[in-house]
Amino acid sequence: MSEELIIQHCAPTLAGMKTGSLFSCPYETRQEVREEIRSLNRRLRPKGIRVLPIRYKNQRVLIYLYRPSCLRRDFLDREAAALLARYGYRAGQPERCLVRLIGRLREGEGFPHEIGLFLGYPPEDVKGFIENKAGGCKLAGTWKVYGDARKAKQTFQRYKLCTDIYCDRWARGMSVEGLAQFC
């Protein structure tokens, strides 16, 4: 997996603005992926970032890059915890929640809709997405918005600006770990 792909899809998480990011990339062997992820984790762990392969399918691996401290904080939210509980998660145990998420991803073809909570999306928007079957949103951007559209639009703009800046800095020679902020 290329550093460029990581920067393009995970800049707001690397910057500490977002809990987690997902991206998919092709792979030749699972061993190769595991080695790349081990290397990334050695480089990013000091910045409070973890990288996990969460699904292998059709010679592609789905990667979850996240900040465990932010995930713990997000899951303390009452609405997030209640939503997670509906799907068999225990919000007080984020590591176990990740194991459950991986299991749910392997069970089906699509994405379990609660995955938005693992990415730092507002619980009201994740709940709205589920209850409205992905329709009737106020705004669509990084996620579908059912709550505060003005605030979400500002967040989308910040994420885009961050990604543009990080892509530029990476193109000028900064490494992924050099771009990652400690939070």
N, C-alpha and C. Protein backbone atom coordinates (compact mmCIF):
# COMPACT_ATOMS: atom_id res chain seq x y z
N MET A 1 0.85 -1.17 0.00
CA MET A 1 0.00 0.00 0.00
C MET A 1 0.89 1.23 0.00
N SER A 2 0.51 2.19 -0.76
CA SER A 2 1.37 3.36 -0.90
C SER A 2 1.07 4.41 0.16
N GLU A 3 2.09 5.17 0.52
CA GLU A 3 1.90 6.28 1.44
C GLU A 3 0.94 7.31 0.83
N GLU A 4 1.01 7.47 -0.47
CA GLU A 4 0.12 8.42 -1.14
C GLU A 4 -1.35 8.06 -0.89
N LEU A 5 -1.67 6.78 -0.98
CA LEU A 5 -3.03 6.32 -0.73
C LEU A 5 -3.45 6.63 0.72
N ILE A 6 -2.55 6.42 1.64
CA ILE A 6 -2.82 6.71 3.06
C ILE A 6 -3.10 8.20 3.23
N ILE A 7 -2.26 9.04 2.65
CA ILE A 7 -2.43 10.50 2.78
C ILE A 7 -3.77 10.93 2.16
N GLN A 8 -4.06 10.43 0.97
CA GLN A 8 -5.29 10.83 0.27
C GLN A 8 -6.55 10.48 1.06
N HIS A 9 -6.53 9.34 1.75
CA HIS A 9 -7.74 8.86 2.42
C HIS A 9 -7.77 9.08 3.93
N CYS A 10 -6.63 9.40 4.51
CA CYS A 10 -6.56 9.44 5.98
C CYS A 10 -6.00 10.74 6.55
N ALA A 11 -5.80 11.76 5.74
CA ALA A 11 -5.18 12.99 6.23
C ALA A 11 -5.87 13.56 7.47
N PRO A 12 -7.20 13.69 7.50
CA PRO A 12 -7.82 14.25 8.70
C PRO A 12 -7.58 13.40 9.97
N THR A 13 -7.47 12.09 9.81
CA THR A 13 -7.15 11.24 10.96
C THR A 13 -5.70 11.43 11.36
N LEU A 14 -4.81 11.49 10.40
CA LEU A 14 -3.40 11.74 10.70
C LEU A 14 -3.22 13.08 11.41
N ALA A 15 -4.04 14.05 11.03
CA ALA A 15 -3.94 15.40 11.60
C ALA A 15 -4.59 15.50 12.98
N GLY A 16 -5.31 14.45 13.39
CA GLY A 16 -5.98 14.48 14.68
C GLY A 16 -7.34 15.13 14.65
N MET A 17 -7.89 15.34 13.46
CA MET A 17 -9.20 15.98 13.30
C MET A 17 -10.34 14.98 13.28
N LYS A 18 -10.02 13.72 13.05
CA LYS A 18 -11.03 12.69 12.80
C LYS A 18 -10.60 11.42 13.53
N THR A 19 -11.56 10.66 14.02
CA THR A 19 -11.28 9.44 14.78
C THR A 19 -10.64 8.36 13.92
N GLY A 20 -11.20 8.12 12.76
CA GLY A 20 -10.71 7.02 11.93
C GLY A 20 -11.03 7.22 10.47
N SER A 21 -10.33 6.46 9.65
CA SER A 21 -10.52 6.50 8.20
C SER A 21 -10.43 5.08 7.66
N LEU A 22 -11.10 4.87 6.55
CA LEU A 22 -11.07 3.59 5.85
C LEU A 22 -10.56 3.80 4.44
N PHE A 23 -9.80 2.84 3.96
CA PHE A 23 -9.44 2.83 2.55
C PHE A 23 -9.17 1.40 2.13
N SER A 24 -9.31 1.16 0.86
CA SER A 24 -9.13 -0.16 0.29
C SER A 24 -7.94 -0.12 -0.66
N CYS A 25 -7.17 -1.20 -0.67
CA CYS A 25 -6.07 -1.26 -1.63
C CYS A 25 -5.84 -2.70 -2.06
N PRO A 26 -5.28 -2.87 -3.25
CA PRO A 26 -5.01 -4.22 -3.72
C PRO A 26 -3.81 -4.82 -2.97
N TYR A 27 -3.75 -6.14 -2.96
CA TYR A 27 -2.60 -6.81 -2.35
C TYR A 27 -2.31 -8.08 -3.14
N GLU A 28 -1.06 -8.50 -3.02
CA GLU A 28 -0.65 -9.75 -3.68
C GLU A 28 -0.78 -10.91 -2.71
N THR A 29 -0.23 -10.74 -1.49
CA THR A 29 -0.33 -11.79 -0.48
C THR A 29 -0.69 -11.16 0.87
N ARG A 30 -1.37 -11.93 1.69
CA ARG A 30 -1.72 -11.44 3.02
C ARG A 30 -0.47 -11.18 3.85
N GLN A 31 0.55 -11.98 3.65
CA GLN A 31 1.81 -11.79 4.38
C GLN A 31 2.40 -10.42 4.07
N GLU A 32 2.36 -10.03 2.81
CA GLU A 32 2.85 -8.72 2.40
C GLU A 32 2.07 -7.60 3.12
N VAL A 33 0.76 -7.73 3.17
CA VAL A 33 -0.09 -6.74 3.84
C VAL A 33 0.27 -6.67 5.32
N ARG A 34 0.39 -7.83 5.96
CA ARG A 34 0.72 -7.87 7.39
C ARG A 34 2.05 -7.17 7.67
N GLU A 35 3.03 -7.40 6.82
CA GLU A 35 4.34 -6.76 7.02
C GLU A 35 4.24 -5.24 6.86
N GLU A 36 3.52 -4.80 5.85
CA GLU A 36 3.34 -3.35 5.64
C GLU A 36 2.61 -2.72 6.82
N ILE A 37 1.60 -3.40 7.33
CA ILE A 37 0.84 -2.87 8.45
C ILE A 37 1.70 -2.85 9.72
N ARG A 38 2.49 -3.88 9.95
CA ARG A 38 3.41 -3.89 11.10
C ARG A 38 4.35 -2.71 11.04
N SER A 39 4.89 -2.46 9.85
CA SER A 39 5.80 -1.33 9.67
C SER A 39 5.09 -0.01 9.93
N LEU A 40 3.89 0.15 9.39
CA LEU A 40 3.13 1.38 9.62
C LEU A 40 2.82 1.57 11.10
N ASN A 41 2.43 0.50 11.77
CA ASN A 41 2.13 0.61 13.20
C ASN A 41 3.36 1.00 14.01
N ARG A 42 4.52 0.47 13.66
CA ARG A 42 5.76 0.88 14.36
C ARG A 42 6.02 2.37 14.17
N ARG A 43 5.73 2.87 12.99
CA ARG A 43 5.98 4.28 12.68
C ARG A 43 4.93 5.21 13.26
N LEU A 44 3.67 4.75 13.32
CA LEU A 44 2.58 5.64 13.73
C LEU A 44 2.13 5.48 15.18
N ARG A 45 2.47 4.38 15.80
CA ARG A 45 2.08 4.15 17.20
C ARG A 45 2.54 5.28 18.12
N PRO A 46 3.76 5.80 17.96
CA PRO A 46 4.18 6.90 18.84
C PRO A 46 3.30 8.15 18.71
N LYS A 47 2.56 8.26 17.62
CA LYS A 47 1.66 9.41 17.41
C LYS A 47 0.23 9.09 17.85
N GLY A 48 0.02 7.90 18.43
CA GLY A 48 -1.31 7.53 18.90
C GLY A 48 -2.23 6.99 17.83
N ILE A 49 -1.65 6.44 16.77
CA ILE A 49 -2.43 5.95 15.62
C ILE A 49 -2.18 4.45 15.46
N ARG A 50 -3.25 3.71 15.11
CA ARG A 50 -3.16 2.28 14.84
C ARG A 50 -3.71 2.01 13.44
N VAL A 51 -3.21 0.93 12.86
CA VAL A 51 -3.65 0.51 11.53
C VAL A 51 -4.06 -0.96 11.62
N LEU A 52 -5.26 -1.26 11.12
CA LEU A 52 -5.77 -2.63 11.14
C LEU A 52 -6.33 -3.03 9.78
N PRO A 53 -6.03 -4.26 9.34
CA PRO A 53 -6.75 -4.79 8.18
C PRO A 53 -8.08 -5.32 8.70
N ILE A 54 -9.19 -4.86 8.15
CA ILE A 54 -10.46 -5.32 8.71
C ILE A 54 -11.27 -6.21 7.76
N ARG A 55 -10.88 -6.27 6.49
CA ARG A 55 -11.54 -7.22 5.59
C ARG A 55 -10.66 -7.46 4.37
N TYR A 56 -10.53 -8.74 4.03
CA TYR A 56 -9.85 -9.15 2.81
C TYR A 56 -10.92 -9.70 1.87
N LYS A 57 -10.93 -9.18 0.64
CA LYS A 57 -11.93 -9.67 -0.31
C LYS A 57 -11.49 -9.33 -1.73
N ASN A 58 -11.56 -10.32 -2.61
CA ASN A 58 -11.24 -10.13 -4.03
C ASN A 58 -9.89 -9.45 -4.24
N GLN A 59 -8.88 -9.93 -3.54
CA GLN A 59 -7.51 -9.40 -3.64
C GLN A 59 -7.40 -7.93 -3.27
N ARG A 60 -8.33 -7.48 -2.42
CA ARG A 60 -8.28 -6.12 -1.86
C ARG A 60 -8.39 -6.24 -0.36
N VAL A 61 -7.74 -5.34 0.33
CA VAL A 61 -7.83 -5.31 1.78
C VAL A 61 -8.40 -3.96 2.20
N LEU A 62 -9.34 -4.01 3.14
CA LEU A 62 -9.92 -2.80 3.70
C LEU A 62 -9.12 -2.47 4.96
N ILE A 63 -8.55 -1.28 4.98
CA ILE A 63 -7.68 -0.85 6.07
C ILE A 63 -8.41 0.20 6.91
N TYR A 64 -8.31 0.05 8.22
CA TYR A 64 -8.87 1.02 9.17
C TYR A 64 -7.69 1.66 9.90
N LEU A 65 -7.51 2.96 9.68
CA LEU A 65 -6.49 3.73 10.36
C LEU A 65 -7.24 4.61 11.37
N TYR A 66 -6.86 4.49 12.65
CA TYR A 66 -7.65 5.18 13.67
C TYR A 66 -6.82 5.59 14.88
N ARG A 67 -7.45 6.38 15.71
CA ARG A 67 -6.87 6.85 16.97
C ARG A 67 -7.66 6.22 18.11
N PRO A 68 -7.08 5.22 18.79
CA PRO A 68 -7.79 4.55 19.89
C PRO A 68 -8.32 5.51 20.95
N SER A 69 -7.57 6.54 21.28
CA SER A 69 -8.03 7.48 22.32
C SER A 69 -9.29 8.22 21.86
N CYS A 70 -9.38 8.55 20.60
CA CYS A 70 -10.56 9.23 20.07
C CYS A 70 -11.74 8.27 19.99
N LEU A 71 -11.48 7.02 19.65
CA LEU A 71 -12.54 6.02 19.59
C LEU A 71 -13.16 5.83 20.98
N ARG A 72 -12.30 5.73 22.01
CA ARG A 72 -12.80 5.60 23.39
C ARG A 72 -13.67 6.81 23.75
N ARG A 73 -13.18 8.00 23.42
CA ARG A 73 -13.93 9.23 23.72
C ARG A 73 -15.27 9.24 22.99
N ASP A 74 -15.27 8.90 21.70
CA ASP A 74 -16.50 8.90 20.91
C ASP A 74 -17.53 7.93 21.47
N PHE A 75 -17.07 6.78 21.93
CA PHE A 75 -17.99 5.76 22.41
C PHE A 75 -18.56 6.08 23.79
N LEU A 76 -18.04 7.12 24.45
CA LEU A 76 -18.61 7.57 25.72
C LEU A 76 -19.91 8.35 25.50
N ASP A 77 -20.11 8.83 24.28
CA ASP A 77 -21.33 9.56 23.95
C ASP A 77 -22.54 8.63 24.15
N ARG A 78 -23.55 9.12 24.87
CA ARG A 78 -24.72 8.30 25.20
C ARG A 78 -25.44 7.79 23.95
N GLU A 79 -25.62 8.66 22.97
CA GLU A 79 -26.32 8.25 21.75
C GLU A 79 -25.51 7.22 20.97
N ALA A 80 -24.19 7.40 20.91
CA ALA A 80 -23.33 6.43 20.22
C ALA A 80 -23.38 5.08 20.93
N ALA A 81 -23.29 5.10 22.27
CA ALA A 81 -23.31 3.85 23.04
C ALA A 81 -24.64 3.11 22.84
N ALA A 82 -25.74 3.84 22.83
CA ALA A 82 -27.05 3.21 22.65
C ALA A 82 -27.17 2.59 21.25
N LEU A 83 -26.67 3.30 20.25
CA LEU A 83 -26.71 2.79 18.89
C LEU A 83 -25.84 1.53 18.75
N LEU A 84 -24.66 1.58 19.33
CA LEU A 84 -23.78 0.42 19.29
C LEU A 84 -24.43 -0.78 19.99
N ALA A 85 -25.07 -0.53 21.12
CA ALA A 85 -25.71 -1.62 21.87
C ALA A 85 -26.78 -2.32 21.03
N ARG A 86 -27.49 -1.56 20.19
CA ARG A 86 -28.53 -2.16 19.33
C ARG A 86 -27.95 -3.23 18.40
N TYR A 87 -26.66 -3.13 18.11
CA TYR A 87 -26.02 -4.07 17.19
C TYR A 87 -25.05 -5.01 17.90
N GLY A 88 -25.19 -5.11 19.22
CA GLY A 88 -24.40 -6.09 19.97
C GLY A 88 -23.02 -5.66 20.39
N TYR A 89 -22.74 -4.36 20.37
CA TYR A 89 -21.44 -3.85 20.79
C TYR A 89 -21.52 -3.39 22.25
N ARG A 90 -20.39 -3.43 22.94
CA ARG A 90 -20.27 -2.85 24.27
C ARG A 90 -19.37 -1.64 24.15
N ALA A 91 -19.97 -0.46 24.15
CA ALA A 91 -19.23 0.78 23.89
C ALA A 91 -18.08 1.00 24.85
N GLY A 92 -18.16 0.47 26.05
CA GLY A 92 -17.09 0.64 27.04
C GLY A 92 -15.86 -0.18 26.74
N GLN A 93 -15.92 -0.99 25.70
CA GLN A 93 -14.79 -1.85 25.32
C GLN A 93 -14.49 -1.67 23.83
N PRO A 94 -13.86 -0.54 23.47
CA PRO A 94 -13.63 -0.26 22.05
C PRO A 94 -12.87 -1.36 21.29
N GLU A 95 -11.93 -2.02 21.95
CA GLU A 95 -11.18 -3.08 21.26
C GLU A 95 -12.11 -4.23 20.90
N ARG A 96 -13.01 -4.57 21.81
CA ARG A 96 -13.99 -5.62 21.52
C ARG A 96 -14.97 -5.17 20.46
N CYS A 97 -15.27 -3.88 20.44
CA CYS A 97 -16.14 -3.33 19.40
C CYS A 97 -15.50 -3.53 18.03
N LEU A 98 -14.20 -3.34 17.95
CA LEU A 98 -13.50 -3.54 16.68
C LEU A 98 -13.59 -5.00 16.24
N VAL A 99 -13.44 -5.92 17.18
CA VAL A 99 -13.56 -7.34 16.85
C VAL A 99 -14.97 -7.63 16.32
N ARG A 100 -15.97 -7.07 16.96
CA ARG A 100 -17.37 -7.24 16.53
C ARG A 100 -17.58 -6.64 15.14
N LEU A 101 -17.03 -5.45 14.90
CA LEU A 101 -17.15 -4.82 13.59
C LEU A 101 -16.53 -5.69 12.50
N ILE A 102 -15.36 -6.21 12.77
CA ILE A 102 -14.68 -7.08 11.79
C ILE A 102 -15.56 -8.29 11.50
N GLY A 103 -16.16 -8.87 12.53
CA GLY A 103 -17.07 -10.00 12.32
C GLY A 103 -18.26 -9.63 11.47
N ARG A 104 -18.85 -8.47 11.75
CA ARG A 104 -20.00 -8.02 10.95
C ARG A 104 -19.61 -7.75 9.50
N LEU A 105 -18.42 -7.22 9.29
CA LEU A 105 -17.96 -6.99 7.91
C LEU A 105 -17.79 -8.30 7.16
N ARG A 106 -17.33 -9.31 7.85
CA ARG A 106 -17.11 -10.61 7.21
C ARG A 106 -18.42 -11.35 6.94
N GLU A 107 -19.46 -11.02 7.72
CA GLU A 107 -20.75 -11.69 7.56
C GLU A 107 -21.47 -11.30 6.28
N GLY A 108 -21.32 -10.05 5.85
CA GLY A 108 -22.12 -9.58 4.74
C GLY A 108 -21.31 -8.98 3.62
N GLU A 109 -22.01 -8.61 2.59
CA GLU A 109 -21.39 -8.01 1.41
C GLU A 109 -21.11 -6.52 1.62
N GLY A 110 -22.01 -5.84 2.28
CA GLY A 110 -21.89 -4.40 2.43
C GLY A 110 -21.21 -4.00 3.72
N PHE A 111 -21.52 -2.80 4.13
CA PHE A 111 -20.96 -2.26 5.36
C PHE A 111 -22.05 -2.16 6.41
N PRO A 112 -21.76 -2.61 7.63
CA PRO A 112 -22.73 -2.37 8.70
C PRO A 112 -22.80 -0.85 8.91
N HIS A 113 -24.00 -0.31 8.95
CA HIS A 113 -24.16 1.14 8.97
C HIS A 113 -23.56 1.83 10.19
N GLU A 114 -23.44 1.10 11.29
CA GLU A 114 -22.83 1.69 12.49
C GLU A 114 -21.35 1.98 12.32
N ILE A 115 -20.78 1.58 11.22
CA ILE A 115 -19.36 1.82 10.97
C ILE A 115 -19.03 3.32 11.03
N GLY A 116 -20.02 4.16 10.75
CA GLY A 116 -19.81 5.60 10.83
C GLY A 116 -19.33 6.04 12.20
N LEU A 117 -19.77 5.35 13.25
CA LEU A 117 -19.33 5.70 14.61
C LEU A 117 -17.84 5.42 14.80
N PHE A 118 -17.30 4.46 14.07
CA PHE A 118 -15.88 4.14 14.14
C PHE A 118 -15.04 5.16 13.37
N LEU A 119 -15.70 5.95 12.54
CA LEU A 119 -15.02 6.96 11.73
C LEU A 119 -15.14 8.36 12.32
N GLY A 120 -15.88 8.47 13.41
CA GLY A 120 -16.04 9.76 14.06
C GLY A 120 -17.21 10.58 13.55
N TYR A 121 -18.13 9.94 12.83
CA TYR A 121 -19.30 10.67 12.34
C TYR A 121 -20.24 10.93 13.53
N PRO A 122 -20.97 12.02 13.49
CA PRO A 122 -21.90 12.33 14.58
C PRO A 122 -22.94 11.21 14.74
N PRO A 123 -23.18 10.79 15.99
CA PRO A 123 -24.16 9.72 16.21
C PRO A 123 -25.54 10.03 15.63
N GLU A 124 -25.97 11.30 15.69
CA GLU A 124 -27.30 11.63 15.14
C GLU A 124 -27.35 11.39 13.62
N ASP A 125 -26.22 11.56 12.96
CA ASP A 125 -26.18 11.32 11.52
C ASP A 125 -26.13 9.82 11.20
N VAL A 126 -25.40 9.06 12.00
CA VAL A 126 -25.35 7.61 11.81
C VAL A 126 -26.75 7.03 12.05
N LYS A 127 -27.38 7.47 13.13
CA LYS A 127 -28.74 7.02 13.45
C LYS A 127 -29.71 7.42 12.33
N GLY A 128 -29.60 8.65 11.84
CA GLY A 128 -30.46 9.11 10.75
C GLY A 128 -30.26 8.30 9.49
N PHE A 129 -29.02 7.96 9.19
CA PHE A 129 -28.71 7.14 8.02
C PHE A 129 -29.40 5.79 8.12
N ILE A 130 -29.31 5.18 9.30
CA ILE A 130 -29.91 3.86 9.51
C ILE A 130 -31.44 3.95 9.44
N GLU A 131 -32.01 4.90 10.16
CA GLU A 131 -33.46 5.00 10.23
C GLU A 131 -34.10 5.44 8.92
N ASN A 132 -33.39 6.23 8.13
CA ASN A 132 -33.93 6.71 6.86
C ASN A 132 -33.48 5.87 5.67
N LYS A 133 -32.82 4.76 5.97
CA LYS A 133 -32.32 3.86 4.92
C LYS A 133 -31.52 4.61 3.87
N ALA A 134 -30.67 5.53 4.35
CA ALA A 134 -29.74 6.32 3.55
C ALA A 134 -30.41 7.40 2.70
N GLY A 135 -31.71 7.58 2.84
CA GLY A 135 -32.40 8.61 2.06
C GLY A 135 -32.76 9.81 2.91
N GLY A 136 -33.21 10.86 2.27
CA GLY A 136 -33.75 12.01 2.96
C GLY A 136 -32.77 12.82 3.79
N CYS A 137 -31.52 12.81 3.43
CA CYS A 137 -30.54 13.56 4.22
C CYS A 137 -30.58 15.05 3.85
N LYS A 138 -30.04 15.87 4.74
CA LYS A 138 -29.97 17.31 4.53
C LYS A 138 -28.79 17.69 3.65
N LEU A 139 -27.73 16.88 3.72
CA LEU A 139 -26.48 17.18 3.02
C LEU A 139 -25.68 15.90 2.87
N ALA A 140 -25.00 15.75 1.76
CA ALA A 140 -24.12 14.59 1.56
C ALA A 140 -22.72 15.10 1.28
N GLY A 141 -21.78 14.57 1.99
CA GLY A 141 -20.37 14.92 1.82
C GLY A 141 -19.54 13.73 2.25
N THR A 142 -18.68 13.89 3.22
CA THR A 142 -17.91 12.78 3.75
C THR A 142 -18.85 11.71 4.29
N TRP A 143 -19.98 12.13 4.82
CA TRP A 143 -21.05 11.25 5.26
C TRP A 143 -22.38 11.94 4.94
N LYS A 144 -23.47 11.22 5.11
CA LYS A 144 -24.80 11.82 4.91
C LYS A 144 -25.23 12.46 6.22
N VAL A 145 -25.70 13.69 6.11
CA VAL A 145 -26.02 14.50 7.29
C VAL A 145 -27.53 14.56 7.51
N TYR A 146 -27.93 14.24 8.74
CA TYR A 146 -29.33 14.30 9.13
C TYR A 146 -29.52 15.31 10.27
N GLY A 147 -28.43 15.76 10.85
CA GLY A 147 -28.47 16.69 11.96
C GLY A 147 -28.05 18.08 11.53
N ASP A 148 -26.97 18.58 12.09
CA ASP A 148 -26.49 19.95 11.88
C ASP A 148 -25.73 20.07 10.56
N ALA A 149 -26.44 20.48 9.51
CA ALA A 149 -25.85 20.57 8.17
C ALA A 149 -24.78 21.65 8.09
N ARG A 150 -24.98 22.77 8.76
CA ARG A 150 -24.00 23.87 8.71
C ARG A 150 -22.67 23.42 9.32
N LYS A 151 -22.74 22.79 10.47
CA LYS A 151 -21.53 22.32 11.14
C LYS A 151 -20.84 21.23 10.29
N ALA A 152 -21.63 20.32 9.73
CA ALA A 152 -21.07 19.25 8.90
C ALA A 152 -20.38 19.82 7.67
N LYS A 153 -21.00 20.82 7.04
CA LYS A 153 -20.40 21.42 5.85
C LYS A 153 -19.04 22.04 6.19
N GLN A 154 -18.95 22.70 7.34
CA GLN A 154 -17.67 23.27 7.78
C GLN A 154 -16.64 22.16 8.00
N THR A 155 -17.09 21.06 8.59
CA THR A 155 -16.18 19.93 8.82
C THR A 155 -15.71 19.35 7.49
N PHE A 156 -16.61 19.19 6.53
CA PHE A 156 -16.22 18.68 5.21
C PHE A 156 -15.15 19.58 4.58
N GLN A 157 -15.33 20.89 4.69
CA GLN A 157 -14.38 21.84 4.12
C GLN A 157 -13.02 21.73 4.82
N ARG A 158 -13.04 21.58 6.15
CA ARG A 158 -11.78 21.42 6.90
C ARG A 158 -11.07 20.13 6.49
N TYR A 159 -11.82 19.06 6.33
CA TYR A 159 -11.23 17.79 5.91
C TYR A 159 -10.59 17.92 4.52
N LYS A 160 -11.28 18.59 3.61
CA LYS A 160 -10.73 18.76 2.25
C LYS A 160 -9.46 19.61 2.28
N LEU A 161 -9.50 20.71 3.01
CA LEU A 161 -8.31 21.56 3.12
C LEU A 161 -7.15 20.78 3.73
N CYS A 162 -7.41 20.04 4.78
CA CYS A 162 -6.38 19.22 5.42
C CYS A 162 -5.79 18.23 4.41
N THR A 163 -6.65 17.55 3.67
CA THR A 163 -6.19 16.57 2.68
C THR A 163 -5.34 17.24 1.61
N ASP A 164 -5.77 18.39 1.13
CA ASP A 164 -4.99 19.12 0.12
C ASP A 164 -3.61 19.51 0.65
N ILE A 165 -3.57 20.02 1.87
CA ILE A 165 -2.29 20.43 2.48
C ILE A 165 -1.39 19.21 2.70
N TYR A 166 -1.96 18.12 3.22
CA TYR A 166 -1.15 16.94 3.47
C TYR A 166 -0.64 16.31 2.18
N CYS A 167 -1.46 16.29 1.14
CA CYS A 167 -1.00 15.76 -0.16
C CYS A 167 0.16 16.60 -0.70
N ASP A 168 0.04 17.91 -0.57
CA ASP A 168 1.10 18.80 -1.01
C ASP A 168 2.38 18.57 -0.22
N ARG A 169 2.27 18.49 1.09
CA ARG A 169 3.45 18.27 1.94
C ARG A 169 4.09 16.91 1.66
N TRP A 170 3.25 15.89 1.44
CA TRP A 170 3.78 14.58 1.13
C TRP A 170 4.53 14.63 -0.21
N ALA A 171 3.95 15.32 -1.20
CA ALA A 171 4.59 15.45 -2.51
C ALA A 171 5.93 16.18 -2.41
N ARG A 172 6.08 17.03 -1.40
CA ARG A 172 7.34 17.76 -1.18
C ARG A 172 8.34 16.97 -0.34
N GLY A 173 7.97 15.74 0.03
CA GLY A 173 8.94 14.88 0.70
C GLY A 173 8.68 14.52 2.16
N MET A 174 7.59 14.99 2.75
CA MET A 174 7.30 14.62 4.13
C MET A 174 6.78 13.18 4.18
N SER A 175 7.15 12.48 5.21
CA SER A 175 6.70 11.10 5.39
C SER A 175 5.34 11.06 6.10
N VAL A 176 4.71 9.91 6.07
CA VAL A 176 3.45 9.75 6.77
C VAL A 176 3.62 10.04 8.26
N GLU A 177 4.66 9.48 8.86
CA GLU A 177 4.86 9.72 10.29
C GLU A 177 5.23 11.17 10.58
N GLY A 178 5.85 11.84 9.63
CA GLY A 178 6.16 13.26 9.78
C GLY A 178 4.90 14.11 9.73
N LEU A 179 3.92 13.68 8.98
CA LEU A 179 2.66 14.40 8.87
C LEU A 179 1.71 14.10 10.04
N ALA A 180 1.85 12.92 10.61
CA ALA A 180 0.95 12.52 11.71
C ALA A 180 1.21 13.38 12.93
N GLN A 181 0.13 13.88 13.49
CA GLN A 181 0.21 14.72 14.69
C GLN A 181 -0.04 13.86 15.92
N PHE A 182 0.65 14.16 17.00
CA PHE A 182 0.39 13.48 18.26
C PHE A 182 -0.79 14.18 18.94
N CYS A 183 -1.77 13.40 19.36
CA CYS A 183 -2.95 13.97 20.06
C CYS A 183 -3.05 13.38 21.44
